[in-house]
Amino acid sequence: MKICKVCAQSDMLCAACQKKLEDGQIKQAEVDFYRAVKELGVELVDVLERGNRLYVIADSNNSRKIIGPGGKTIRKISEQLGKQIKVLEKTEGTDKEVIEKLIGVPVKGVNTVYSPSESYKIRLDKKYRKMAEPLKSVVSEIIGKKITFVFE
């Protein structure tokens, strides 16, 4: 969690969390999201903000709690924050399995590129271009490597 549990429960930030906000390590939208889900008792892996969308990374049990029955909970949080929210499931496994789970489409293959720094070329069917492309920076940040999508 990017903010401490005390700050998630209160309307004010402690000195450490306030410094993170001022230094740009966290954004106000992330603080607001953590506060919005405090009653759900969920543990989040991460919240990433891209434009008017929040990407919430959680394990499968917690992602179900965040989405709620029929998507009711996530819609309420989305309206409260005024942002679109996409919940991504973080799983254990090979990089290919993790990437498939994050982008929600089958991956044909993952090629490792050994240039100045290690990166991945992720091969996908071209029909998934519109679904996968917006998630490129999010997936890259989650797995900790630069990625390139190759559509075949």
N, C-alpha and C. Protein backbone atom coordinates (compact mmCIF):
# COMPACT_ATOMS: atom_id res chain seq x y z
N MET A 1 0.85 -1.17 0.00
CA MET A 1 0.00 0.00 0.00
C MET A 1 0.90 1.23 0.00
N LYS A 2 0.53 2.21 -0.79
CA LYS A 2 1.35 3.40 -0.92
C LYS A 2 1.16 4.39 0.21
N ILE A 3 0.04 4.32 0.92
CA ILE A 3 -0.13 5.16 2.10
C ILE A 3 -0.33 4.24 3.30
N CYS A 4 -0.02 4.74 4.47
CA CYS A 4 -0.14 3.90 5.66
C CYS A 4 -1.61 3.70 6.03
N LYS A 5 -1.87 2.71 6.85
CA LYS A 5 -3.24 2.38 7.24
C LYS A 5 -3.91 3.51 8.02
N VAL A 6 -3.13 4.24 8.80
CA VAL A 6 -3.67 5.36 9.57
C VAL A 6 -4.18 6.44 8.61
N CYS A 7 -3.41 6.75 7.59
CA CYS A 7 -3.81 7.78 6.62
C CYS A 7 -5.01 7.33 5.79
N ALA A 8 -5.11 6.03 5.52
CA ALA A 8 -6.26 5.51 4.77
C ALA A 8 -7.54 5.68 5.57
N GLN A 9 -7.42 5.68 6.89
CA GLN A 9 -8.59 5.78 7.76
C GLN A 9 -8.99 7.22 8.08
N SER A 10 -8.07 8.17 7.89
CA SER A 10 -8.35 9.54 8.31
C SER A 10 -8.44 10.49 7.11
N ASP A 11 -8.84 11.71 7.40
CA ASP A 11 -8.93 12.73 6.35
C ASP A 11 -7.62 13.48 6.15
N MET A 12 -6.66 13.25 7.02
CA MET A 12 -5.37 13.93 6.93
C MET A 12 -4.28 12.91 6.64
N LEU A 13 -3.17 13.38 6.11
CA LEU A 13 -2.03 12.52 5.85
C LEU A 13 -0.96 12.76 6.90
N CYS A 14 -0.28 11.71 7.32
CA CYS A 14 0.85 11.86 8.23
C CYS A 14 1.99 12.53 7.46
N ALA A 15 3.03 12.91 8.15
CA ALA A 15 4.15 13.62 7.52
C ALA A 15 4.80 12.78 6.42
N ALA A 16 4.95 11.48 6.65
CA ALA A 16 5.60 10.61 5.66
C ALA A 16 4.75 10.49 4.39
N CYS A 17 3.45 10.27 4.55
CA CYS A 17 2.58 10.14 3.38
C CYS A 17 2.41 11.48 2.67
N GLN A 18 2.37 12.57 3.43
CA GLN A 18 2.28 13.90 2.83
C GLN A 18 3.51 14.19 1.98
N LYS A 19 4.68 13.77 2.45
CA LYS A 19 5.92 13.96 1.70
C LYS A 19 5.88 13.15 0.40
N LYS A 20 5.36 11.92 0.46
CA LYS A 20 5.21 11.11 -0.76
C LYS A 20 4.33 11.83 -1.77
N LEU A 21 3.25 12.43 -1.30
CA LEU A 21 2.33 13.15 -2.18
C LEU A 21 3.03 14.37 -2.78
N GLU A 22 3.73 15.12 -1.96
CA GLU A 22 4.43 16.32 -2.44
C GLU A 22 5.57 15.99 -3.40
N ASP A 23 6.24 14.87 -3.17
CA ASP A 23 7.35 14.46 -4.04
C ASP A 23 6.89 13.77 -5.32
N GLY A 24 5.58 13.53 -5.44
CA GLY A 24 5.06 12.90 -6.65
C GLY A 24 5.16 11.39 -6.65
N GLN A 25 5.51 10.78 -5.53
CA GLN A 25 5.57 9.33 -5.45
C GLN A 25 4.17 8.72 -5.48
N ILE A 26 3.20 9.47 -4.97
CA ILE A 26 1.80 9.08 -5.05
C ILE A 26 1.00 10.27 -5.54
N LYS A 27 -0.17 9.99 -6.06
CA LYS A 27 -1.06 11.05 -6.55
C LYS A 27 -2.29 11.11 -5.65
N GLN A 28 -2.95 12.24 -5.67
CA GLN A 28 -4.14 12.43 -4.84
C GLN A 28 -5.21 11.39 -5.17
N ALA A 29 -5.34 11.02 -6.45
CA ALA A 29 -6.34 10.02 -6.85
C ALA A 29 -6.08 8.68 -6.18
N GLU A 30 -4.81 8.34 -6.00
CA GLU A 30 -4.47 7.08 -5.33
C GLU A 30 -4.85 7.14 -3.86
N VAL A 31 -4.55 8.26 -3.21
CA VAL A 31 -4.93 8.45 -1.81
C VAL A 31 -6.44 8.31 -1.66
N ASP A 32 -7.17 8.96 -2.57
CA ASP A 32 -8.63 8.90 -2.53
C ASP A 32 -9.13 7.48 -2.71
N PHE A 33 -8.49 6.70 -3.61
CA PHE A 33 -8.92 5.32 -3.83
C PHE A 33 -8.69 4.48 -2.58
N TYR A 34 -7.51 4.59 -1.99
CA TYR A 34 -7.23 3.82 -0.77
C TYR A 34 -8.25 4.13 0.32
N ARG A 35 -8.62 5.39 0.42
CA ARG A 35 -9.62 5.77 1.42
C ARG A 35 -11.00 5.23 1.06
N ALA A 36 -11.32 5.17 -0.22
CA ALA A 36 -12.64 4.70 -0.66
C ALA A 36 -12.83 3.21 -0.38
N VAL A 37 -11.75 2.44 -0.38
CA VAL A 37 -11.88 0.98 -0.18
C VAL A 37 -11.55 0.54 1.24
N LYS A 38 -11.33 1.47 2.14
CA LYS A 38 -10.90 1.10 3.51
C LYS A 38 -11.91 0.19 4.20
N GLU A 39 -13.22 0.38 3.96
CA GLU A 39 -14.22 -0.45 4.62
C GLU A 39 -14.28 -1.87 4.06
N LEU A 40 -13.73 -2.07 2.88
CA LEU A 40 -13.78 -3.39 2.26
C LEU A 40 -12.77 -4.36 2.88
N GLY A 41 -11.80 -3.82 3.58
CA GLY A 41 -10.78 -4.67 4.20
C GLY A 41 -9.93 -5.38 3.19
N VAL A 42 -9.56 -4.69 2.12
CA VAL A 42 -8.77 -5.30 1.07
C VAL A 42 -7.31 -4.88 1.16
N GLU A 43 -6.44 -5.74 0.68
CA GLU A 43 -5.04 -5.42 0.54
C GLU A 43 -4.77 -5.24 -0.95
N LEU A 44 -4.30 -4.07 -1.30
CA LEU A 44 -4.00 -3.79 -2.70
C LEU A 44 -2.52 -3.95 -2.94
N VAL A 45 -2.19 -4.39 -4.13
CA VAL A 45 -0.80 -4.45 -4.51
C VAL A 45 -0.36 -3.06 -4.94
N ASP A 46 -1.16 -2.41 -5.78
CA ASP A 46 -0.80 -1.10 -6.29
C ASP A 46 -2.00 -0.43 -6.95
N VAL A 47 -1.92 0.88 -7.07
CA VAL A 47 -2.89 1.67 -7.81
C VAL A 47 -2.09 2.59 -8.72
N LEU A 48 -2.35 2.51 -10.02
CA LEU A 48 -1.65 3.35 -10.99
C LEU A 48 -2.65 4.25 -11.67
N GLU A 49 -2.29 5.51 -11.83
CA GLU A 49 -3.17 6.47 -12.49
C GLU A 49 -2.62 6.77 -13.87
N ARG A 50 -3.48 6.65 -14.86
CA ARG A 50 -3.14 7.00 -16.24
C ARG A 50 -4.30 7.82 -16.79
N GLY A 51 -4.10 9.12 -16.91
CA GLY A 51 -5.17 9.99 -17.40
C GLY A 51 -6.35 9.96 -16.46
N ASN A 52 -7.52 9.69 -17.02
CA ASN A 52 -8.76 9.66 -16.22
C ASN A 52 -9.10 8.24 -15.77
N ARG A 53 -8.11 7.37 -15.72
CA ARG A 53 -8.35 5.98 -15.37
C ARG A 53 -7.39 5.54 -14.26
N LEU A 54 -7.92 4.78 -13.33
CA LEU A 54 -7.12 4.16 -12.29
C LEU A 54 -7.03 2.67 -12.58
N TYR A 55 -5.84 2.12 -12.52
CA TYR A 55 -5.63 0.69 -12.65
C TYR A 55 -5.30 0.17 -11.26
N VAL A 56 -6.14 -0.71 -10.76
CA VAL A 56 -5.99 -1.26 -9.42
C VAL A 56 -5.47 -2.68 -9.56
N ILE A 57 -4.33 -2.95 -8.94
CA ILE A 57 -3.74 -4.27 -9.01
C ILE A 57 -3.95 -4.94 -7.65
N ALA A 58 -4.61 -6.09 -7.66
CA ALA A 58 -4.91 -6.82 -6.42
C ALA A 58 -4.92 -8.32 -6.74
N ASP A 59 -4.83 -9.14 -5.70
CA ASP A 59 -4.94 -10.58 -5.93
C ASP A 59 -6.40 -10.94 -6.20
N SER A 60 -6.67 -12.18 -6.55
CA SER A 60 -8.01 -12.56 -6.99
C SER A 60 -9.07 -12.39 -5.90
N ASN A 61 -8.75 -12.73 -4.64
CA ASN A 61 -9.74 -12.57 -3.57
C ASN A 61 -10.10 -11.10 -3.36
N ASN A 62 -9.09 -10.25 -3.31
CA ASN A 62 -9.33 -8.83 -3.08
C ASN A 62 -9.96 -8.16 -4.29
N SER A 63 -9.63 -8.60 -5.49
CA SER A 63 -10.24 -7.99 -6.68
C SER A 63 -11.74 -8.27 -6.71
N ARG A 64 -12.15 -9.44 -6.25
CA ARG A 64 -13.59 -9.75 -6.18
C ARG A 64 -14.30 -8.83 -5.20
N LYS A 65 -13.65 -8.55 -4.06
CA LYS A 65 -14.25 -7.64 -3.08
C LYS A 65 -14.38 -6.23 -3.65
N ILE A 66 -13.36 -5.78 -4.38
CA ILE A 66 -13.37 -4.43 -4.94
C ILE A 66 -14.46 -4.31 -6.00
N ILE A 67 -14.61 -5.31 -6.84
CA ILE A 67 -15.62 -5.27 -7.89
C ILE A 67 -17.02 -5.39 -7.29
N GLY A 68 -17.18 -6.27 -6.33
CA GLY A 68 -18.47 -6.43 -5.67
C GLY A 68 -19.46 -7.20 -6.51
N PRO A 69 -20.63 -7.52 -5.94
CA PRO A 69 -21.63 -8.30 -6.67
C PRO A 69 -22.17 -7.52 -7.86
N GLY A 70 -22.00 -8.09 -9.03
CA GLY A 70 -22.48 -7.45 -10.25
C GLY A 70 -21.78 -6.14 -10.59
N GLY A 71 -20.60 -5.90 -9.99
CA GLY A 71 -19.86 -4.67 -10.26
C GLY A 71 -20.37 -3.46 -9.50
N LYS A 72 -21.26 -3.70 -8.55
CA LYS A 72 -21.89 -2.60 -7.80
C LYS A 72 -20.86 -1.76 -7.01
N THR A 73 -19.94 -2.42 -6.33
CA THR A 73 -18.97 -1.71 -5.50
C THR A 73 -18.04 -0.86 -6.34
N ILE A 74 -17.52 -1.42 -7.41
CA ILE A 74 -16.57 -0.67 -8.25
C ILE A 74 -17.25 0.51 -8.94
N ARG A 75 -18.50 0.34 -9.33
CA ARG A 75 -19.24 1.47 -9.93
C ARG A 75 -19.40 2.60 -8.93
N LYS A 76 -19.72 2.26 -7.70
CA LYS A 76 -19.89 3.26 -6.65
C LYS A 76 -18.58 4.03 -6.42
N ILE A 77 -17.47 3.30 -6.33
CA ILE A 77 -16.17 3.93 -6.13
C ILE A 77 -15.81 4.80 -7.33
N SER A 78 -16.08 4.31 -8.52
CA SER A 78 -15.80 5.06 -9.75
C SER A 78 -16.57 6.38 -9.77
N GLU A 79 -17.84 6.33 -9.41
CA GLU A 79 -18.64 7.56 -9.37
C GLU A 79 -18.13 8.51 -8.29
N GLN A 80 -17.77 7.97 -7.15
CA GLN A 80 -17.28 8.77 -6.04
C GLN A 80 -15.98 9.51 -6.42
N LEU A 81 -15.10 8.84 -7.15
CA LEU A 81 -13.81 9.42 -7.51
C LEU A 81 -13.85 10.17 -8.84
N GLY A 82 -14.89 9.92 -9.64
CA GLY A 82 -14.98 10.57 -10.95
C GLY A 82 -13.95 10.06 -11.94
N LYS A 83 -13.54 8.81 -11.78
CA LYS A 83 -12.56 8.20 -12.68
C LYS A 83 -13.01 6.80 -13.06
N GLN A 84 -12.61 6.38 -14.25
CA GLN A 84 -12.84 5.00 -14.65
C GLN A 84 -11.84 4.13 -13.89
N ILE A 85 -12.28 2.96 -13.47
CA ILE A 85 -11.40 2.08 -12.71
C ILE A 85 -11.37 0.71 -13.37
N LYS A 86 -10.16 0.21 -13.59
CA LYS A 86 -9.99 -1.14 -14.12
C LYS A 86 -9.21 -1.93 -13.10
N VAL A 87 -9.77 -3.06 -12.69
CA VAL A 87 -9.12 -3.92 -11.70
C VAL A 87 -8.35 -5.00 -12.45
N LEU A 88 -7.06 -5.09 -12.14
CA LEU A 88 -6.19 -6.09 -12.75
C LEU A 88 -5.77 -7.07 -11.66
N GLU A 89 -5.80 -8.35 -12.00
CA GLU A 89 -5.44 -9.39 -11.04
C GLU A 89 -3.97 -9.71 -11.12
N LYS A 90 -3.28 -9.57 -10.01
CA LYS A 90 -1.87 -9.93 -9.93
C LYS A 90 -1.79 -11.37 -9.48
N THR A 91 -1.09 -12.17 -10.23
CA THR A 91 -0.97 -13.59 -9.90
C THR A 91 0.50 -13.99 -9.87
N GLU A 92 0.76 -15.13 -9.31
CA GLU A 92 2.10 -15.71 -9.32
C GLU A 92 2.17 -16.63 -10.53
N GLY A 93 3.35 -16.83 -11.03
CA GLY A 93 3.52 -17.73 -12.16
C GLY A 93 4.60 -17.20 -13.08
N THR A 94 4.65 -17.78 -14.28
CA THR A 94 5.63 -17.32 -15.25
C THR A 94 5.25 -15.92 -15.71
N ASP A 95 6.20 -15.22 -16.30
CA ASP A 95 5.91 -13.87 -16.80
C ASP A 95 4.78 -13.91 -17.82
N LYS A 96 4.75 -14.94 -18.66
CA LYS A 96 3.69 -15.06 -19.65
C LYS A 96 2.32 -15.16 -18.98
N GLU A 97 2.21 -15.99 -17.94
CA GLU A 97 0.94 -16.15 -17.23
C GLU A 97 0.51 -14.85 -16.55
N VAL A 98 1.46 -14.16 -15.94
CA VAL A 98 1.16 -12.89 -15.27
C VAL A 98 0.68 -11.86 -16.29
N ILE A 99 1.36 -11.76 -17.42
CA ILE A 99 0.99 -10.79 -18.45
C ILE A 99 -0.39 -11.12 -19.02
N GLU A 100 -0.67 -12.39 -19.29
CA GLU A 100 -1.99 -12.79 -19.78
C GLU A 100 -3.09 -12.38 -18.81
N LYS A 101 -2.85 -12.59 -17.53
CA LYS A 101 -3.85 -12.25 -16.52
C LYS A 101 -4.05 -10.74 -16.45
N LEU A 102 -2.96 -9.98 -16.56
CA LEU A 102 -3.05 -8.52 -16.48
C LEU A 102 -3.79 -7.91 -17.66
N ILE A 103 -3.49 -8.38 -18.87
CA ILE A 103 -4.12 -7.75 -20.04
C ILE A 103 -5.42 -8.45 -20.45
N GLY A 104 -5.64 -9.64 -19.91
CA GLY A 104 -6.91 -10.32 -20.16
C GLY A 104 -7.07 -10.91 -21.55
N VAL A 105 -5.97 -11.14 -22.25
CA VAL A 105 -6.02 -11.77 -23.56
C VAL A 105 -4.91 -12.81 -23.65
N PRO A 106 -5.08 -13.83 -24.51
CA PRO A 106 -4.04 -14.85 -24.64
C PRO A 106 -2.77 -14.27 -25.26
N VAL A 107 -1.63 -14.66 -24.72
CA VAL A 107 -0.33 -14.23 -25.21
C VAL A 107 0.26 -15.36 -26.04
N LYS A 108 0.65 -15.05 -27.27
CA LYS A 108 1.26 -16.07 -28.13
C LYS A 108 2.66 -16.44 -27.66
N GLY A 109 3.38 -15.44 -27.17
CA GLY A 109 4.73 -15.70 -26.69
C GLY A 109 5.34 -14.46 -26.08
N VAL A 110 6.36 -14.69 -25.26
CA VAL A 110 7.11 -13.59 -24.65
C VAL A 110 8.57 -13.81 -25.00
N ASN A 111 9.14 -12.87 -25.74
CA ASN A 111 10.54 -12.96 -26.12
C ASN A 111 11.35 -11.97 -25.28
N THR A 112 12.44 -12.46 -24.72
CA THR A 112 13.32 -11.59 -23.94
C THR A 112 14.33 -10.96 -24.87
N VAL A 113 14.47 -9.65 -24.78
CA VAL A 113 15.42 -8.91 -25.59
C VAL A 113 16.56 -8.48 -24.67
N TYR A 114 17.77 -8.94 -24.99
CA TYR A 114 18.93 -8.61 -24.16
C TYR A 114 19.72 -7.52 -24.86
N SER A 115 19.34 -6.28 -24.65
CA SER A 115 20.10 -5.15 -25.15
C SER A 115 20.63 -4.42 -23.92
N PRO A 116 20.89 -3.14 -23.97
CA PRO A 116 21.45 -2.52 -22.76
C PRO A 116 20.72 -2.91 -21.48
N SER A 117 19.43 -3.00 -21.53
CA SER A 117 18.68 -3.52 -20.38
C SER A 117 17.69 -4.55 -20.89
N GLU A 118 17.37 -5.51 -20.07
CA GLU A 118 16.47 -6.59 -20.47
C GLU A 118 15.05 -6.05 -20.66
N SER A 119 14.42 -6.42 -21.77
CA SER A 119 13.04 -6.03 -22.02
C SER A 119 12.31 -7.22 -22.65
N TYR A 120 11.00 -7.06 -22.81
CA TYR A 120 10.19 -8.13 -23.39
C TYR A 120 9.48 -7.65 -24.65
N LYS A 121 9.42 -8.55 -25.62
CA LYS A 121 8.52 -8.39 -26.76
C LYS A 121 7.40 -9.38 -26.53
N ILE A 122 6.19 -8.86 -26.41
CA ILE A 122 5.04 -9.70 -26.12
C ILE A 122 4.24 -9.85 -27.40
N ARG A 123 4.12 -11.09 -27.88
CA ARG A 123 3.42 -11.37 -29.13
C ARG A 123 1.96 -11.67 -28.87
N LEU A 124 1.09 -10.90 -29.54
CA LEU A 124 -0.36 -11.04 -29.38
C LEU A 124 -1.02 -11.10 -30.75
N ASP A 125 -2.21 -11.65 -30.78
CA ASP A 125 -3.01 -11.65 -32.00
C ASP A 125 -3.44 -10.20 -32.27
N LYS A 126 -3.43 -9.81 -33.54
CA LYS A 126 -3.72 -8.41 -33.88
C LYS A 126 -5.14 -7.98 -33.52
N LYS A 127 -6.06 -8.92 -33.33
CA LYS A 127 -7.42 -8.54 -32.96
C LYS A 127 -7.50 -7.97 -31.55
N TYR A 128 -6.43 -8.13 -30.74
CA TYR A 128 -6.43 -7.62 -29.37
C TYR A 128 -5.71 -6.27 -29.23
N ARG A 129 -5.37 -5.64 -30.35
CA ARG A 129 -4.61 -4.38 -30.31
C ARG A 129 -5.30 -3.32 -29.44
N LYS A 130 -6.59 -3.10 -29.65
CA LYS A 130 -7.30 -2.04 -28.91
C LYS A 130 -7.39 -2.34 -27.43
N MET A 131 -7.45 -3.61 -27.07
CA MET A 131 -7.54 -3.99 -25.66
C MET A 131 -6.19 -3.89 -24.96
N ALA A 132 -5.13 -4.31 -25.63
CA ALA A 132 -3.82 -4.44 -24.99
C ALA A 132 -3.02 -3.14 -24.98
N GLU A 133 -3.05 -2.39 -26.05
CA GLU A 133 -2.19 -1.22 -26.18
C GLU A 133 -2.31 -0.22 -25.02
N PRO A 134 -3.53 0.09 -24.54
CA PRO A 134 -3.61 1.04 -23.42
C PRO A 134 -2.98 0.53 -22.12
N LEU A 135 -2.75 -0.76 -22.01
CA LEU A 135 -2.21 -1.35 -20.79
C LEU A 135 -0.68 -1.48 -20.81
N LYS A 136 -0.07 -1.06 -21.90
CA LYS A 136 1.37 -1.27 -22.08
C LYS A 136 2.20 -0.67 -20.93
N SER A 137 1.99 0.58 -20.59
CA SER A 137 2.80 1.21 -19.54
C SER A 137 2.47 0.62 -18.17
N VAL A 138 1.23 0.23 -17.96
CA VAL A 138 0.84 -0.35 -16.69
C VAL A 138 1.52 -1.71 -16.50
N VAL A 139 1.45 -2.56 -17.52
CA VAL A 139 2.07 -3.89 -17.43
C VAL A 139 3.58 -3.74 -17.25
N SER A 140 4.17 -2.80 -17.98
CA SER A 140 5.61 -2.56 -17.87
C SER A 140 6.00 -2.19 -16.45
N GLU A 141 5.22 -1.33 -15.84
CA GLU A 141 5.51 -0.91 -14.46
C GLU A 141 5.33 -2.06 -13.48
N ILE A 142 4.33 -2.89 -13.69
CA ILE A 142 4.05 -3.99 -12.77
C ILE A 142 5.14 -5.06 -12.82
N ILE A 143 5.55 -5.44 -14.03
CA ILE A 143 6.56 -6.50 -14.13
C ILE A 143 7.99 -5.96 -14.03
N GLY A 144 8.13 -4.65 -14.08
CA GLY A 144 9.45 -4.04 -13.88
C GLY A 144 10.38 -4.13 -15.06
N LYS A 145 9.83 -4.28 -16.26
CA LYS A 145 10.64 -4.33 -17.48
C LYS A 145 9.94 -3.57 -18.59
N LYS A 146 10.74 -2.99 -19.46
CA LYS A 146 10.17 -2.33 -20.64
C LYS A 146 9.57 -3.40 -21.53
N ILE A 147 8.38 -3.11 -22.07
CA ILE A 147 7.75 -4.09 -22.94
C ILE A 147 7.36 -3.44 -24.27
N THR A 148 7.27 -4.28 -25.25
CA THR A 148 6.78 -3.89 -26.57
C THR A 148 5.77 -4.94 -26.98
N PHE A 149 4.61 -4.50 -27.46
CA PHE A 149 3.63 -5.44 -27.99
C PHE A 149 3.88 -5.61 -29.48
N VAL A 150 3.86 -6.84 -29.93
CA VAL A 150 3.98 -7.17 -31.35
C VAL A 150 2.69 -7.87 -31.72
N PHE A 151 1.95 -7.29 -32.67
CA PHE A 151 0.66 -7.86 -33.07
C PHE A 151 0.82 -8.62 -34.37
N GLU A 152 0.46 -9.89 -34.35
CA GLU A 152 0.65 -10.78 -35.51
C GLU A 152 -0.68 -11.18 -36.11
